[in-house]
Amino acid sequence: MTIKVGDRIPSVTLKYLGKEGMAEINTDDLFKGKTVALFAVPGAFTPTCSAKHLPSFVNNAEALKAKGVDTIACLAVNDPFVMKAWADRNEVGETVFMLPDGNATLTKALGLEMDGSGYGLGTRSQRFALIAKDGVVTHLGVEKPGAFEVSSGEAILAAL
């Protein structure tokens, strides 16, 4: 079942590359007491994700924070090393928390996975963005296949 407005973000633990190496974060800790803008891409280094989706949040980070967003997080079904390399390549810095979901654990728990095997990608995340306040979804924009209209940084900024 797909998550919807009013639902709580599922509790899962994910691994990421921190300043001191491999680290873990639980979604309960990521979302607790904060307003989080979480966006998901089908894959790091893919054309729309690199040229439009990630930059739309990096470029709107200050405006999102001014509207009360505490954390901006990018979710992708990629491993922590790929996510770090993608962040470095795009000079993300501390602007966006790069959240690898290598086993699609959170993506599946949200009910927002897609089958990209026709493109050689396996299980991936649908393109989406949400706002959660203290772990509860207050806005959700899920893209139609091939679209980039409701999950951009600009769309989330307008939803706040």
Protein backbone atom coordinates (compact mmCIF):
# COMPACT_ATOMS: atom_id res chain seq x y z
CA MET A 1 0.00 0.00 0.00
CA THR A 2 1.31 3.45 -0.89
CA ILE A 3 1.85 5.96 1.89
CA LYS A 4 -0.56 8.88 1.90
CA VAL A 5 -1.04 12.22 3.60
CA GLY A 6 -1.71 11.63 7.29
CA ASP A 7 0.37 8.45 7.46
CA ARG A 8 3.49 8.10 9.59
CA ILE A 9 6.84 7.49 7.89
CA PRO A 10 7.74 3.79 8.41
CA SER A 11 10.50 3.01 10.88
CA VAL A 12 13.52 1.59 9.05
CA THR A 13 17.27 1.82 9.50
CA LEU A 14 19.48 2.78 6.56
CA LYS A 15 23.24 2.98 6.11
CA TYR A 16 25.01 6.06 4.75
CA LEU A 17 28.54 7.41 4.50
CA GLY A 18 29.15 9.93 7.25
CA LYS A 19 32.21 12.02 7.98
CA GLU A 20 33.78 9.10 9.86
CA GLY A 21 32.75 6.29 7.52
CA MET A 22 29.74 4.01 7.37
CA ALA A 23 26.93 5.05 9.71
CA GLU A 24 23.30 4.19 10.33
CA ILE A 25 20.21 6.33 10.70
CA ASN A 26 16.72 5.31 11.67
CA THR A 27 13.87 7.17 10.04
CA ASP A 28 12.37 7.73 13.50
CA ASP A 29 15.43 9.82 14.36
CA LEU A 30 15.57 11.55 10.97
CA PHE A 31 11.95 12.75 11.15
CA LYS A 32 11.31 13.16 14.90
CA GLY A 33 10.44 16.73 15.87
CA LYS A 34 11.40 18.11 12.45
CA THR A 35 9.89 19.23 9.20
CA VAL A 36 11.56 17.15 6.51
CA ALA A 37 11.37 17.51 2.74
CA LEU A 38 12.16 14.05 1.38
CA PHE A 39 12.50 13.55 -2.34
CA ALA A 40 13.27 10.34 -4.16
CA VAL A 41 14.88 9.70 -7.50
CA PRO A 42 15.02 6.53 -9.60
CA GLY A 43 18.82 6.64 -9.52
CA ALA A 44 21.91 8.68 -8.88
CA PHE A 45 23.67 9.94 -11.99
CA THR A 46 20.59 9.38 -14.18
CA PRO A 47 19.74 12.27 -16.55
CA THR A 48 16.65 13.91 -15.01
CA CYS A 49 17.82 13.16 -11.48
CA SER A 50 21.19 14.84 -12.03
CA ALA A 51 20.16 17.69 -14.32
CA LYS A 52 16.88 18.69 -12.69
CA HIS A 53 15.70 16.90 -9.55
CA LEU A 54 18.70 17.16 -7.22
CA PRO A 55 19.57 20.70 -8.39
CA SER A 56 15.98 21.85 -7.79
CA PHE A 57 16.40 21.11 -4.08
CA VAL A 58 19.97 22.38 -3.80
CA ASN A 59 18.97 25.65 -5.51
CA ASN A 60 15.88 26.08 -3.32
CA ALA A 61 17.44 24.98 -0.04
CA GLU A 62 17.56 28.44 1.54
CA ALA A 63 13.95 29.18 0.58
CA LEU A 64 12.82 25.79 1.92
CA LYS A 65 14.63 26.39 5.20
CA ALA A 66 13.09 29.88 5.41
CA LYS A 67 9.66 28.22 5.18
CA GLY A 68 10.43 25.90 8.10
CA VAL A 69 12.10 22.86 6.55
CA ASP A 70 14.71 21.53 8.96
CA THR A 71 16.11 18.76 6.76
CA ILE A 72 16.15 18.13 3.02
CA ALA A 73 16.83 14.48 2.21
CA CYS A 74 17.37 12.74 -1.12
CA LEU A 75 16.41 9.06 -1.25
CA ALA A 76 17.64 6.69 -3.96
CA VAL A 77 17.93 2.93 -4.31
CA ASN A 78 21.70 3.17 -4.58
CA ASP A 79 24.51 2.20 -2.23
CA PRO A 80 26.14 4.70 0.14
CA PHE A 81 29.28 5.00 -2.01
CA VAL A 82 27.31 5.93 -5.12
CA MET A 83 25.26 8.47 -3.18
CA LYS A 84 28.40 10.08 -1.78
CA ALA A 85 30.04 10.22 -5.22
CA TRP A 86 26.88 11.74 -6.69
CA ALA A 87 26.72 14.32 -3.90
CA ASP A 88 30.40 15.19 -4.40
CA ARG A 89 29.97 15.45 -8.17
CA ASN A 90 27.04 17.84 -7.71
CA GLU A 91 28.70 19.82 -4.89
CA VAL A 92 25.78 19.15 -2.55
CA GLY A 93 27.81 19.68 0.63
CA GLU A 94 25.60 19.81 3.73
CA THR A 95 22.60 21.20 1.82
CA VAL A 96 20.90 17.84 1.22
CA PHE A 97 21.21 14.69 3.32
CA MET A 98 21.91 11.92 0.80
CA LEU A 99 19.95 8.90 1.99
CA PRO A 100 20.94 5.63 0.31
CA ASP A 101 18.32 2.89 0.25
CA GLY A 102 20.45 0.16 -1.32
CA ASN A 103 17.99 -2.64 -0.56
CA ALA A 104 14.90 -0.49 -1.25
CA THR A 105 13.86 -1.02 2.37
CA LEU A 106 12.33 2.43 2.89
CA THR A 107 11.14 2.68 -0.69
CA LYS A 108 9.17 -0.58 -0.36
CA ALA A 109 7.89 0.37 3.11
CA LEU A 110 6.52 3.58 1.55
CA GLY A 111 4.93 1.53 -1.25
CA LEU A 112 6.68 3.70 -3.83
CA GLU A 113 8.96 1.19 -5.56
CA MET A 114 8.94 0.61 -9.30
CA ASP A 115 10.28 -2.11 -11.55
CA GLY A 116 13.09 -0.64 -13.63
CA SER A 117 14.34 -4.01 -14.87
CA GLY A 118 13.29 -3.17 -18.43
CA TYR A 119 16.07 -0.56 -18.31
CA GLY A 120 18.52 -2.80 -16.44
CA LEU A 121 17.89 -0.94 -13.17
CA GLY A 122 16.04 -3.55 -11.09
CA THR A 123 13.89 -2.28 -8.23
CA ARG A 124 14.01 1.49 -7.92
CA SER A 125 12.04 4.29 -6.33
CA GLN A 126 9.35 6.16 -8.15
CA ARG A 127 10.12 9.85 -8.49
CA PHE A 128 8.35 11.62 -5.61
CA ALA A 129 8.66 14.28 -2.94
CA LEU A 130 6.95 14.63 0.39
CA ILE A 131 6.83 16.87 3.40
CA ALA A 132 6.64 15.25 6.82
CA LYS A 133 6.15 17.05 10.11
CA ASP A 134 7.30 15.07 13.13
CA GLY A 135 7.17 11.93 10.99
CA VAL A 136 3.66 12.44 9.60
CA VAL A 137 3.22 13.07 5.88
CA THR A 138 1.53 16.43 5.22
CA HIS A 139 2.14 16.58 1.45
CA LEU A 140 2.97 13.95 -1.16
CA GLY A 141 3.66 14.43 -4.86
CA VAL A 142 4.27 11.25 -6.88
CA GLU A 143 5.25 11.67 -10.53
CA LYS A 144 3.61 9.86 -13.39
CA PRO A 145 6.15 7.73 -15.32
CA GLY A 146 8.52 9.97 -17.26
CA ALA A 147 7.18 13.20 -15.69
CA PHE A 148 8.88 15.82 -13.54
CA GLU A 149 6.13 18.16 -12.38
CA VAL A 150 5.05 17.57 -8.77
CA SER A 151 8.27 16.49 -7.02
CA SER A 152 10.67 19.37 -7.68
CA GLY A 153 12.09 21.69 -5.08
CA GLU A 154 9.87 24.41 -6.52
CA ALA A 155 6.74 22.23 -6.16
CA ILE A 156 7.58 21.44 -2.54
CA LEU A 157 8.29 25.10 -1.83
CA ALA A 158 4.85 25.98 -3.22
CA ALA A 159 3.25 23.29 -1.01
CA LEU A 160 4.65 24.77 2.21
